Amino acid sequence: MFAFLALTALASLAGNPSDVWPANLKAPRDPAVLAQQLSTLATNAASLPPPLQPAVDFQKVFLQIISAAPESAWLADLKKLAALAGDDVIAATIRERARLWLARAEATQIDVVLRKYYGDKVDFPPSLDAVTKDIPDALRLDPWGKLWSYKLGKANYSKIDLQRYTLAPADYPNLPPLKKSIGDRNPPPRPWKITARSVAGSTALEFKSTASGGTVVAQAGARVDDCVLIFVGQKWALMAALDQLFVVTF
């Protein structure tokens, strides 16, 4: 209880968290603009509670990825987040999102092997078994240590980009590839009316859907529709969608 109250008190002193984790985010392609945006992010995050640092670090990497920054600028930091230790809500949620992005990055490396096979055979392999020896050991399993989900698409021999396949982590077989995940983020507003509640002496949030009328009362770690509630601050909360973080206010 003391730890929760301490975090809440620290959160009340923070700057505007919506400036750190906005739902709608512009992805600058100009390196100078990106550098300025990262600097501003660090400044806005300076007074946030220390336990939120992994979420801040993830946001820095996320911004670089969607801005098409060179892989060399963010891959090492992404791997650290994907290996983040701890079972607390923040660590577990950030680790999962980092692994999603790492899976996308690793899939682009495997794509090089698959395209080489295509260059030799004028077709993609029926399974990854045909190219296993050419895939680096570290990439033969997805970031969760499972076999990749690989499926051939419909054949079209007139253009290589139309003779495609899907390659994704086992638990997320429909995960869009890295190339399709880069760019501005403009998700539709979440249909929630959010109200703070007290549950057993702790703060919980009531999420009422303005679309369906359904209601969920959640504390940190709980799912709300397709999102996870990570942290509750003073009049704001940090949420995680599939591959990004965003702040809601109440």
Protein backbone atom coordinates (compact mmCIF):
# COMPACT_ATOMS: atom_id res chain seq x y z
CA MET A 1 0.00 0.00 0.00
CA PHE A 2 2.80 2.41 0.95
CA ALA A 3 4.56 1.73 -2.34
CA PHE A 4 1.37 2.42 -4.29
CA LEU A 5 0.75 5.70 -2.43
CA ALA A 6 4.38 6.72 -2.97
CA LEU A 7 4.11 6.11 -6.70
CA THR A 8 0.85 8.06 -6.83
CA ALA A 9 2.46 10.98 -5.00
CA LEU A 10 5.42 10.99 -7.39
CA ALA A 11 3.09 10.82 -10.35
CA SER A 12 1.28 13.93 -9.15
CA LEU A 13 4.58 15.85 -9.43
CA ALA A 14 5.31 14.77 -12.99
CA GLY A 15 4.98 16.86 -16.10
CA ASN A 16 2.26 16.14 -18.60
CA PRO A 17 2.49 12.38 -19.26
CA SER A 18 0.44 12.82 -22.44
CA ASP A 19 3.48 14.58 -23.90
CA VAL A 20 5.57 11.47 -23.24
CA TRP A 21 3.09 8.83 -24.44
CA PRO A 22 0.61 10.50 -26.82
CA ALA A 23 -1.92 8.27 -28.55
CA ASN A 24 -1.48 10.23 -31.78
CA LEU A 25 2.15 10.57 -32.70
CA LYS A 26 3.96 12.20 -35.59
CA ALA A 27 6.88 10.15 -36.87
CA PRO A 28 9.52 12.60 -38.13
CA ARG A 29 11.70 11.36 -41.00
CA ASP A 30 14.19 14.23 -40.61
CA PRO A 31 16.98 13.04 -38.23
CA ALA A 32 17.34 16.54 -36.74
CA VAL A 33 13.64 16.75 -35.97
CA LEU A 34 13.72 13.25 -34.49
CA ALA A 35 16.67 14.17 -32.27
CA GLN A 36 14.79 17.23 -31.01
CA GLN A 37 11.68 15.17 -30.37
CA LEU A 38 13.70 12.61 -28.38
CA SER A 39 15.29 15.40 -26.35
CA THR A 40 11.88 16.87 -25.57
CA LEU A 41 10.61 13.44 -24.58
CA ALA A 42 13.50 13.03 -22.12
CA THR A 43 12.81 16.46 -20.62
CA ASN A 44 9.10 15.75 -20.21
CA ALA A 45 9.84 12.39 -18.63
CA ALA A 46 12.45 13.66 -16.15
CA SER A 47 10.01 14.08 -13.25
CA LEU A 48 8.05 10.85 -13.78
CA PRO A 49 8.20 8.12 -11.09
CA PRO A 50 11.39 5.99 -11.47
CA PRO A 51 9.42 2.71 -11.91
CA LEU A 52 8.12 4.14 -15.20
CA GLN A 53 11.64 4.37 -16.67
CA PRO A 54 11.24 1.17 -18.75
CA ALA A 55 8.11 2.69 -20.31
CA VAL A 56 10.06 5.88 -21.08
CA ASP A 57 12.91 3.85 -22.60
CA PHE A 58 10.42 1.92 -24.72
CA GLN A 59 8.89 5.16 -25.99
CA LYS A 60 12.30 6.40 -27.13
CA VAL A 61 12.90 3.21 -29.10
CA PHE A 62 9.33 3.19 -30.43
CA LEU A 63 9.66 6.75 -31.73
CA GLN A 64 12.89 5.91 -33.53
CA ILE A 65 11.44 2.79 -35.13
CA ILE A 66 8.27 4.40 -36.48
CA SER A 67 10.40 7.30 -37.74
CA ALA A 68 12.46 4.84 -39.85
CA ALA A 69 15.69 5.56 -37.97
CA PRO A 70 18.55 3.17 -38.80
CA GLU A 71 18.31 -0.17 -37.02
CA SER A 72 21.76 0.45 -35.54
CA ALA A 73 20.30 3.38 -33.58
CA TRP A 74 17.70 1.38 -31.65
CA LEU A 75 18.18 -2.40 -31.97
CA ALA A 76 20.53 -2.81 -28.98
CA ASP A 77 18.16 -0.87 -26.70
CA LEU A 78 15.20 -2.85 -28.01
CA LYS A 79 16.94 -6.14 -27.20
CA LYS A 80 17.57 -4.93 -23.63
CA LEU A 81 13.88 -4.14 -23.21
CA ALA A 82 12.91 -7.51 -24.71
CA ALA A 83 15.05 -9.16 -22.02
CA LEU A 84 13.81 -6.93 -19.21
CA ALA A 85 13.73 -8.78 -15.89
CA GLY A 86 10.84 -8.72 -13.44
CA ASP A 87 7.24 -9.86 -13.23
CA ASP A 88 5.70 -6.55 -12.18
CA VAL A 89 3.09 -5.05 -14.48
CA ILE A 90 5.39 -2.43 -16.01
CA ALA A 91 8.28 -4.82 -16.70
CA ALA A 92 6.06 -7.59 -18.07
CA THR A 93 4.10 -5.24 -20.34
CA ILE A 94 7.15 -3.44 -21.72
CA ARG A 95 8.98 -6.73 -22.27
CA GLU A 96 6.05 -8.10 -24.29
CA ARG A 97 5.77 -4.98 -26.48
CA ALA A 98 9.52 -4.88 -27.01
CA ARG A 99 9.49 -8.51 -28.13
CA LEU A 100 6.76 -7.70 -30.66
CA TRP A 101 8.96 -5.04 -32.24
CA LEU A 102 12.02 -7.29 -32.01
CA ALA A 103 10.09 -10.01 -33.83
CA ARG A 104 9.39 -7.55 -36.63
CA ALA A 105 13.05 -6.58 -36.84
CA GLU A 106 14.22 -10.20 -36.85
CA ALA A 107 11.65 -11.14 -39.47
CA THR A 108 13.19 -8.56 -41.83
CA GLN A 109 16.55 -10.32 -41.38
CA ILE A 110 14.99 -13.69 -42.18
CA ASP A 111 13.40 -12.06 -45.23
CA VAL A 112 16.90 -11.64 -46.69
CA VAL A 113 17.38 -15.41 -46.54
CA LEU A 114 13.95 -16.06 -48.06
CA ARG A 115 14.58 -13.64 -50.93
CA LYS A 116 17.91 -15.30 -51.67
CA TYR A 117 16.06 -18.63 -51.90
CA TYR A 118 13.54 -16.94 -54.21
CA GLY A 119 16.38 -15.69 -56.40
CA ASP A 120 17.59 -19.26 -56.82
CA LYS A 121 14.23 -21.06 -57.09
CA VAL A 122 11.88 -18.32 -58.38
CA ASP A 123 9.62 -19.29 -55.50
CA PHE A 124 9.56 -18.98 -51.73
CA PRO A 125 10.17 -22.17 -49.72
CA PRO A 126 7.19 -24.29 -48.63
CA SER A 127 8.49 -24.09 -45.04
CA LEU A 128 11.38 -22.58 -43.12
CA ASP A 129 12.97 -26.03 -42.92
CA ALA A 130 14.28 -25.51 -46.44
CA VAL A 131 16.36 -22.49 -45.35
CA THR A 132 17.11 -23.27 -41.69
CA LYS A 133 20.82 -23.72 -42.35
CA ASP A 134 20.97 -20.20 -43.79
CA ILE A 135 19.15 -18.55 -40.88
CA PRO A 136 21.48 -17.39 -38.06
CA ASP A 137 21.13 -19.49 -34.91
CA ALA A 138 19.84 -16.52 -32.90
CA LEU A 139 16.93 -16.04 -35.32
CA ARG A 140 15.69 -19.61 -35.70
CA LEU A 141 13.16 -19.12 -32.91
CA ASP A 142 11.02 -16.06 -32.31
CA PRO A 143 11.76 -13.75 -29.34
CA TRP A 144 9.60 -15.96 -27.09
CA GLY A 145 11.65 -19.05 -27.97
CA LYS A 146 8.97 -20.56 -30.22
CA LEU A 147 8.99 -21.61 -33.87
CA TRP A 148 8.06 -18.86 -36.29
CA SER A 149 4.66 -18.90 -37.95
CA TYR A 150 5.36 -19.10 -41.69
CA LYS A 151 2.75 -19.40 -44.44
CA LEU A 152 2.91 -18.97 -48.18
CA GLY A 153 0.66 -16.48 -49.88
CA LYS A 154 -1.02 -16.76 -53.26
CA ALA A 155 1.48 -17.21 -56.09
CA ASN A 156 2.04 -14.36 -58.52
CA TYR A 157 5.17 -14.84 -60.60
CA SER A 158 5.05 -11.49 -62.37
CA LYS A 159 6.32 -9.55 -59.36
CA ILE A 160 8.28 -10.75 -56.34
CA ASP A 161 6.42 -8.48 -53.89
CA LEU A 162 3.16 -10.16 -54.93
CA GLN A 163 4.56 -13.68 -54.51
CA ARG A 164 4.56 -13.29 -50.77
CA TYR A 165 4.52 -15.15 -47.50
CA THR A 166 3.66 -14.28 -43.90
CA LEU A 167 6.29 -14.62 -41.20
CA ALA A 168 5.35 -13.73 -37.65
CA PRO A 169 5.89 -14.85 -34.06
CA ALA A 170 3.94 -17.97 -33.08
CA ASP A 171 1.64 -16.20 -30.62
CA TYR A 172 0.96 -13.28 -32.99
CA PRO A 173 0.56 -14.89 -36.44
CA ASN A 174 -1.24 -11.82 -37.84
CA LEU A 175 1.31 -9.27 -36.63
CA PRO A 176 1.91 -6.70 -39.40
CA PRO A 177 5.55 -6.61 -40.59
CA LEU A 178 7.98 -3.84 -39.71
CA LYS A 179 7.64 -2.08 -43.06
CA LYS A 180 3.88 -1.67 -42.57
CA SER A 181 4.28 -0.53 -38.96
CA ILE A 182 6.45 2.52 -39.65
CA GLY A 183 4.89 5.98 -39.83
CA ASP A 184 2.52 8.28 -37.95
CA ARG A 185 0.21 6.82 -35.35
CA ASN A 186 -3.37 8.09 -35.52
CA PRO A 187 -5.56 5.49 -33.82
CA PRO A 188 -9.27 6.24 -33.42
CA PRO A 189 -10.24 7.54 -29.96
CA ARG A 190 -11.03 4.81 -27.45
CA PRO A 191 -14.77 4.77 -26.64
CA TRP A 192 -14.24 5.02 -22.88
CA LYS A 193 -15.63 7.20 -20.15
CA ILE A 194 -13.17 6.76 -17.28
CA THR A 195 -13.95 7.31 -13.60
CA ALA A 196 -11.67 6.76 -10.60
CA ARG A 197 -12.98 4.32 -7.96
CA SER A 198 -11.65 3.08 -4.64
CA VAL A 199 -11.29 -0.70 -4.36
CA ALA A 200 -9.98 -2.13 -1.07
CA GLY A 201 -8.21 1.13 -0.33
CA SER A 202 -6.50 1.35 -3.74
CA THR A 203 -7.38 3.38 -6.80
CA ALA A 204 -9.10 1.54 -9.61
CA LEU A 205 -10.53 2.89 -12.85
CA GLU A 206 -13.98 2.26 -14.21
CA PHE A 207 -13.97 2.10 -17.99
CA LYS A 208 -17.44 2.51 -19.45
CA SER A 209 -17.71 1.96 -23.19
CA THR A 210 -19.65 4.78 -24.83
CA ALA A 211 -20.21 2.41 -27.76
CA SER A 212 -21.52 -0.74 -26.08
CA GLY A 213 -22.35 0.53 -22.60
CA GLY A 214 -20.26 -2.22 -21.04
CA THR A 215 -18.25 -1.44 -17.90
CA VAL A 216 -14.91 -2.75 -16.64
CA VAL A 217 -13.36 -1.85 -13.28
CA ALA A 218 -9.60 -2.28 -13.56
CA GLN A 219 -6.40 -1.91 -11.60
CA ALA A 220 -2.85 -2.02 -12.97
CA GLY A 221 -2.31 -5.23 -14.91
CA ALA A 222 -5.92 -5.70 -15.97
CA ARG A 223 -7.09 -5.84 -19.57
CA VAL A 224 -9.52 -3.28 -20.92
CA ASP A 225 -10.78 -4.33 -24.33
CA ASP A 226 -7.58 -4.98 -26.33
CA CYS A 227 -5.36 -2.91 -24.02
CA VAL A 228 -3.60 -3.32 -20.69
CA LEU A 229 -3.76 -0.79 -17.85
CA ILE A 230 -0.14 -0.33 -16.76
CA PHE A 231 -0.10 2.52 -14.26
CA VAL A 232 -2.57 4.85 -12.55
CA GLY A 233 -1.42 8.38 -11.76
CA GLN A 234 -3.23 11.51 -10.63
CA LYS A 235 -5.98 12.07 -13.17
CA TRP A 236 -4.11 10.03 -15.79
CA ALA A 237 -3.25 6.43 -16.57
CA LEU A 238 -0.77 4.68 -18.83
CA MET A 239 -2.20 2.08 -21.19
CA ALA A 240 -0.60 -0.39 -23.60
CA ALA A 241 -2.14 -1.29 -26.94
CA LEU A 242 -0.68 -4.07 -29.08
CA ASP A 243 2.61 -2.32 -29.84
CA GLN A 244 2.48 1.16 -28.37
CA LEU A 245 1.79 3.00 -25.11
CA PHE A 246 -0.60 5.87 -24.62
CA VAL A 247 -2.04 8.00 -21.84
CA VAL A 248 -5.69 8.44 -20.95
CA THR A 249 -7.04 11.07 -18.58
CA PHE A 250 -9.98 11.02 -16.19
